[in-house]
């Protein structure tokens, strides 16, 4: 699949966090296109204690929409 087609496919799967409840959970795959970063970047941030707070569900990393919103608001304020 060409890169442009791959990006378009990913863009269609970007969750609309404005419509989701704070308690909704996102996977890394859902969060990456939302933040516009790569998966390795998100993993590095997590290992460095940066990025949105991780919640574990059956030992798998998940991100609460409320935590993502809060982190985005703080990141915008710092910019």
C-alpha atoms as a PDB file:
ATOM      1  CA  UNK A   1       0.000   0.000   0.000  1.00  0.00           C
ATOM      2  CA  UNK A   2       1.492   3.407  -0.897  1.00  0.00           C
ATOM      3  CA  UNK A   3       2.281   5.699   2.030  1.00  0.00           C
ATOM      4  CA  UNK A   4      -0.428   8.231   1.107  1.00  0.00           C
ATOM      5  CA  UNK A   5      -3.075   5.489   1.080  1.00  0.00           C
ATOM      6  CA  UNK A   6      -1.815   4.191   4.407  1.00  0.00           C
ATOM      7  CA  UNK A   7      -2.072   7.655   5.974  1.00  0.00           C
ATOM      8  CA  UNK A   8      -5.594   8.105   4.601  1.00  0.00           C
ATOM      9  CA  UNK A   9      -6.603   4.755   6.091  1.00  0.00           C
ATOM     10  CA  UNK A  10      -5.163   5.748   9.456  1.00  0.00           C
ATOM     11  CA  UNK A  11      -6.892   9.133   9.315  1.00  0.00           C
ATOM     12  CA  UNK A  12     -10.262   7.423   8.991  1.00  0.00           C
ATOM     13  CA  UNK A  13      -9.616   5.581  12.258  1.00  0.00           C
ATOM     14  CA  UNK A  14      -8.758   8.642  14.318  1.00  0.00           C
ATOM     15  CA  UNK A  15     -11.176   8.672  17.245  1.00  0.00           C
ATOM     16  CA  UNK A  16     -13.134  11.859  17.882  1.00  0.00           C
ATOM     17  CA  UNK A  17     -12.221  12.400  21.515  1.00  0.00           C
ATOM     18  CA  UNK A  18     -14.664  15.313  21.737  1.00  0.00           C
ATOM     19  CA  UNK A  19     -17.519  12.810  21.380  1.00  0.00           C
ATOM     20  CA  UNK A  20     -16.158  10.095  23.652  1.00  0.00           C
ATOM     21  CA  UNK A  21     -16.752   9.999  27.413  1.00  0.00           C
ATOM     22  CA  UNK A  22     -13.777  10.643  29.698  1.00  0.00           C
ATOM     23  CA  UNK A  23     -13.799   6.988  30.770  1.00  0.00           C
ATOM     24  CA  UNK A  24     -13.424   5.632  27.204  1.00  0.00           C
ATOM     25  CA  UNK A  25     -10.153   3.793  26.599  1.00  0.00           C
ATOM     26  CA  UNK A  26      -7.867   4.178  23.588  1.00  0.00           C
ATOM     27  CA  UNK A  27      -5.156   1.835  22.399  1.00  0.00           C
ATOM     28  CA  UNK A  28      -1.725   3.015  21.293  1.00  0.00           C
ATOM     29  CA  UNK A  29      -2.786   2.395  17.685  1.00  0.00           C
ATOM     30  CA  UNK A  30      -5.741   4.746  18.161  1.00  0.00           C
ATOM     31  CA  UNK A  31      -3.716   7.373  19.994  1.00  0.00           C
ATOM     32  CA  UNK A  32      -0.776   7.596  17.565  1.00  0.00           C
ATOM     33  CA  UNK A  33      -2.688   9.226  14.670  1.00  0.00           C
ATOM     34  CA  UNK A  34      -4.595  11.434  17.085  1.00  0.00           C
ATOM     35  CA  UNK A  35      -1.352  12.881  18.462  1.00  0.00           C
ATOM     36  CA  UNK A  36       0.432  12.847  15.114  1.00  0.00           C
ATOM     37  CA  UNK A  37       3.432  10.929  16.440  1.00  0.00           C
ATOM     38  CA  UNK A  38       4.894   7.522  15.660  1.00  0.00           C
ATOM     39  CA  UNK A  39       4.408   4.439  17.801  1.00  0.00           C
ATOM     40  CA  UNK A  40       8.099   4.413  18.809  1.00  0.00           C
ATOM     41  CA  UNK A  41       7.767   8.049  19.933  1.00  0.00           C
ATOM     42  CA  UNK A  42       4.713   7.249  22.059  1.00  0.00           C
ATOM     43  CA  UNK A  43       6.512   4.267  23.611  1.00  0.00           C
ATOM     44  CA  UNK A  44       9.609   6.392  24.306  1.00  0.00           C
ATOM     45  CA  UNK A  45       7.490   9.093  25.935  1.00  0.00           C
ATOM     46  CA  UNK A  46       5.867   6.444  28.129  1.00  0.00           C
ATOM     47  CA  UNK A  47       9.240   5.060  29.227  1.00  0.00           C
ATOM     48  CA  UNK A  48      10.359   8.619  30.054  1.00  0.00           C
ATOM     49  CA  UNK A  49       7.190   9.408  32.027  1.00  0.00           C
ATOM     50  CA  UNK A  50       5.960  11.803  29.339  1.00  0.00           C
ATOM     51  CA  UNK A  51       2.774  11.800  27.302  1.00  0.00           C
ATOM     52  CA  UNK A  52      -0.723  10.912  28.461  1.00  0.00           C
ATOM     53  CA  UNK A  53      -1.109   8.777  31.572  1.00  0.00           C
ATOM     54  CA  UNK A  54      -1.284   5.038  30.900  1.00  0.00           C
ATOM     55  CA  UNK A  55      -3.993   2.875  32.427  1.00  0.00           C
ATOM     56  CA  UNK A  56      -3.415  -0.882  32.304  1.00  0.00           C
ATOM     57  CA  UNK A  57      -6.233  -3.258  31.401  1.00  0.00           C
ATOM     58  CA  UNK A  58      -5.192  -6.886  31.778  1.00  0.00           C
ATOM     59  CA  UNK A  59      -1.580  -5.634  31.638  1.00  0.00           C
ATOM     60  CA  UNK A  60      -2.176  -3.913  28.276  1.00  0.00           C
ATOM     61  CA  UNK A  61      -1.578  -0.166  27.944  1.00  0.00           C
ATOM     62  CA  UNK A  62      -4.703   1.926  27.456  1.00  0.00           C
ATOM     63  CA  UNK A  63      -5.259   5.663  27.576  1.00  0.00           C
ATOM     64  CA  UNK A  64      -8.362   7.186  29.177  1.00  0.00           C
ATOM     65  CA  UNK A  65      -9.852   9.875  26.954  1.00  0.00           C
ATOM     66  CA  UNK A  66     -10.059  12.202  29.965  1.00  0.00           C
ATOM     67  CA  UNK A  67      -6.324  11.782  30.605  1.00  0.00           C
ATOM     68  CA  UNK A  68      -5.552  12.406  26.925  1.00  0.00           C
ATOM     69  CA  UNK A  69      -7.647  15.601  26.923  1.00  0.00           C
ATOM     70  CA  UNK A  70      -5.919  16.786  30.101  1.00  0.00           C
ATOM     71  CA  UNK A  71      -2.451  16.065  28.678  1.00  0.00           C
ATOM     72  CA  UNK A  72      -3.277  17.845  25.408  1.00  0.00           C
ATOM     73  CA  UNK A  73      -4.533  20.901  27.298  1.00  0.00           C
ATOM     74  CA  UNK A  74      -1.325  21.011  29.370  1.00  0.00           C
ATOM     75  CA  UNK A  75       0.834  20.552  26.262  1.00  0.00           C
ATOM     76  CA  UNK A  76      -0.955  23.435  24.519  1.00  0.00           C
ATOM     77  CA  UNK A  77      -0.547  25.662  27.590  1.00  0.00           C
ATOM     78  CA  UNK A  78       3.193  24.949  27.668  1.00  0.00           C
ATOM     79  CA  UNK A  79       3.617  25.742  23.960  1.00  0.00           C
END
